[in-house]
Amino acid sequence: MKSRKNIVGPRIRRLRYEQHLTQEQLSARVGRLGWDISRGTLSQIEAQIRCVTDFELVCLAKALGITADALLPAAPQVKKVIAEFFPEGPSD
């Protein structure tokens, strides 16, 4: 299995669908906020192939009309997400 590079991609995709936006439309919104992002880069983020920086997270959230923390998993899901990203468990 390929290693996932972010935990926000699926939420970004879902919110984009809910707002009836194409990847091109969301890319354009983000571009107006100062981040020149291509449709292909957005696709990689949604597919969890590409990492997302803190600036990018805030920019995507603003373009979707939500807060950045709304893109993160809910507290009850955090342990599950951590286990998926680090299946070998904590390192000492």
C-alpha atoms as a PDB file:
ATOM      1  CA  MET A   1       0.000   0.000   0.000  1.00  0.00           C
ATOM      2  CA  LYS A   2       1.242   3.462  -0.859  1.00  0.00           C
ATOM      3  CA  SER A   3       1.974   5.751   2.039  1.00  0.00           C
ATOM      4  CA  ARG A   4      -0.555   8.553   2.414  1.00  0.00           C
ATOM      5  CA  LYS A   5       0.893  12.035   2.458  1.00  0.00           C
ATOM      6  CA  ASN A   6      -1.936  13.958   4.140  1.00  0.00           C
ATOM      7  CA  ILE A   7      -5.074  13.435   6.205  1.00  0.00           C
ATOM      8  CA  VAL A   8      -7.142  16.268   4.738  1.00  0.00           C
ATOM      9  CA  GLY A   9      -7.471  15.195   1.105  1.00  0.00           C
ATOM     10  CA  PRO A  10     -10.703  13.207   1.391  1.00  0.00           C
ATOM     11  CA  ARG A  11     -12.369  15.986   3.395  1.00  0.00           C
ATOM     12  CA  ILE A  12     -11.336  18.586   0.790  1.00  0.00           C
ATOM     13  CA  ARG A  13     -12.803  16.390  -1.957  1.00  0.00           C
ATOM     14  CA  ARG A  14     -16.061  15.863  -0.048  1.00  0.00           C
ATOM     15  CA  LEU A  15     -16.494  19.575   0.686  1.00  0.00           C
ATOM     16  CA  ARG A  16     -15.738  20.430  -2.932  1.00  0.00           C
ATOM     17  CA  TYR A  17     -18.419  17.977  -4.100  1.00  0.00           C
ATOM     18  CA  GLU A  18     -20.903  19.341  -1.554  1.00  0.00           C
ATOM     19  CA  GLN A  19     -20.311  22.850  -2.901  1.00  0.00           C
ATOM     20  CA  HIS A  20     -20.700  21.605  -6.502  1.00  0.00           C
ATOM     21  CA  LEU A  21     -17.208  22.808  -7.415  1.00  0.00           C
ATOM     22  CA  THR A  22     -14.927  21.268  -9.995  1.00  0.00           C
ATOM     23  CA  GLN A  23     -11.230  20.953  -9.259  1.00  0.00           C
ATOM     24  CA  GLU A  24     -10.660  23.778 -11.729  1.00  0.00           C
ATOM     25  CA  GLN A  25     -13.107  26.033  -9.875  1.00  0.00           C
ATOM     26  CA  LEU A  26     -11.536  25.341  -6.480  1.00  0.00           C
ATOM     27  CA  SER A  27      -8.070  25.863  -7.974  1.00  0.00           C
ATOM     28  CA  ALA A  28      -9.213  29.254  -9.283  1.00  0.00           C
ATOM     29  CA  ARG A  29     -10.590  30.246  -5.857  1.00  0.00           C
ATOM     30  CA  VAL A  30      -7.315  29.281  -4.227  1.00  0.00           C
ATOM     31  CA  GLY A  31      -5.406  31.201  -6.896  1.00  0.00           C
ATOM     32  CA  ARG A  32      -7.313  34.377  -6.049  1.00  0.00           C
ATOM     33  CA  LEU A  33      -6.077  33.949  -2.486  1.00  0.00           C
ATOM     34  CA  GLY A  34      -2.443  33.939  -3.606  1.00  0.00           C
ATOM     35  CA  TRP A  35      -1.561  30.286  -4.132  1.00  0.00           C
ATOM     36  CA  ASP A  36      -1.134  29.274  -7.762  1.00  0.00           C
ATOM     37  CA  ILE A  37      -2.327  25.661  -7.689  1.00  0.00           C
ATOM     38  CA  SER A  38      -3.070  23.509 -10.710  1.00  0.00           C
ATOM     39  CA  ARG A  39      -5.976  21.102 -11.037  1.00  0.00           C
ATOM     40  CA  GLY A  40      -3.432  18.281 -11.075  1.00  0.00           C
ATOM     41  CA  THR A  41      -1.916  19.362  -7.762  1.00  0.00           C
ATOM     42  CA  LEU A  42      -5.363  19.588  -6.195  1.00  0.00           C
ATOM     43  CA  SER A  43      -6.100  16.100  -7.510  1.00  0.00           C
ATOM     44  CA  GLN A  44      -2.937  14.785  -5.845  1.00  0.00           C
ATOM     45  CA  ILE A  45      -3.915  16.447  -2.552  1.00  0.00           C
ATOM     46  CA  GLU A  46      -7.408  14.964  -2.673  1.00  0.00           C
ATOM     47  CA  ALA A  47      -5.924  11.533  -3.422  1.00  0.00           C
ATOM     48  CA  GLN A  48      -3.531  11.912  -0.449  1.00  0.00           C
ATOM     49  CA  ILE A  49      -0.506  11.641  -2.743  1.00  0.00           C
ATOM     50  CA  ARG A  50       0.869  15.118  -2.035  1.00  0.00           C
ATOM     51  CA  CYS A  51       1.672  16.752   1.293  1.00  0.00           C
ATOM     52  CA  VAL A  52      -0.122  19.929   2.347  1.00  0.00           C
ATOM     53  CA  THR A  53       1.754  22.758   4.066  1.00  0.00           C
ATOM     54  CA  ASP A  54       0.188  24.879   6.781  1.00  0.00           C
ATOM     55  CA  PHE A  55      -0.217  27.822   4.373  1.00  0.00           C
ATOM     56  CA  GLU A  56      -1.872  25.553   1.819  1.00  0.00           C
ATOM     57  CA  LEU A  57      -4.216  24.110   4.444  1.00  0.00           C
ATOM     58  CA  VAL A  58      -5.352  27.590   5.494  1.00  0.00           C
ATOM     59  CA  CYS A  59      -5.721  28.687   1.870  1.00  0.00           C
ATOM     60  CA  LEU A  60      -7.809  25.638   0.927  1.00  0.00           C
ATOM     61  CA  ALA A  61     -10.011  26.107   3.985  1.00  0.00           C
ATOM     62  CA  LYS A  62     -10.575  29.778   3.194  1.00  0.00           C
ATOM     63  CA  ALA A  63     -11.430  28.939  -0.432  1.00  0.00           C
ATOM     64  CA  LEU A  64     -13.986  26.409   0.838  1.00  0.00           C
ATOM     65  CA  GLY A  65     -15.405  28.906   3.352  1.00  0.00           C
ATOM     66  CA  ILE A  66     -14.453  26.921   6.444  1.00  0.00           C
ATOM     67  CA  THR A  67     -11.818  27.005   9.176  1.00  0.00           C
ATOM     68  CA  ALA A  68      -8.580  25.078   8.792  1.00  0.00           C
ATOM     69  CA  ASP A  69      -9.359  22.873  11.786  1.00  0.00           C
ATOM     70  CA  ALA A  70     -12.579  21.781  10.040  1.00  0.00           C
ATOM     71  CA  LEU A  71     -10.370  19.944   7.524  1.00  0.00           C
ATOM     72  CA  LEU A  72      -8.803  17.803  10.248  1.00  0.00           C
ATOM     73  CA  PRO A  73     -10.342  14.575  11.550  1.00  0.00           C
ATOM     74  CA  ALA A  74     -12.740  14.760  14.481  1.00  0.00           C
ATOM     75  CA  ALA A  75     -11.197  13.942  17.870  1.00  0.00           C
ATOM     76  CA  PRO A  76     -12.658  10.387  18.055  1.00  0.00           C
ATOM     77  CA  GLN A  77     -11.056   9.560  14.702  1.00  0.00           C
ATOM     78  CA  VAL A  78      -7.565  10.767  15.584  1.00  0.00           C
ATOM     79  CA  LYS A  79      -6.381   7.415  17.026  1.00  0.00           C
ATOM     80  CA  LYS A  80      -7.602   5.606  13.923  1.00  0.00           C
ATOM     81  CA  VAL A  81      -5.840   8.088  11.633  1.00  0.00           C
ATOM     82  CA  ILE A  82      -2.606   7.782  13.619  1.00  0.00           C
ATOM     83  CA  ALA A  83      -2.785   3.986  13.451  1.00  0.00           C
ATOM     84  CA  GLU A  84      -3.289   4.138   9.670  1.00  0.00           C
ATOM     85  CA  PHE A  85      -0.314   6.460   9.197  1.00  0.00           C
ATOM     86  CA  PHE A  86       1.924   4.609  11.651  1.00  0.00           C
ATOM     87  CA  PRO A  87       0.858   0.938  11.635  1.00  0.00           C
ATOM     88  CA  GLU A  88       4.076  -0.146  13.350  1.00  0.00           C
ATOM     89  CA  GLY A  89       3.115   1.785  16.472  1.00  0.00           C
ATOM     90  CA  PRO A  90       5.113   4.369  18.389  1.00  0.00           C
ATOM     91  CA  SER A  91       8.870   4.348  18.157  1.00  0.00           C
ATOM     92  CA  ASP A  92      10.993   4.758  21.254  1.00  0.00           C
END
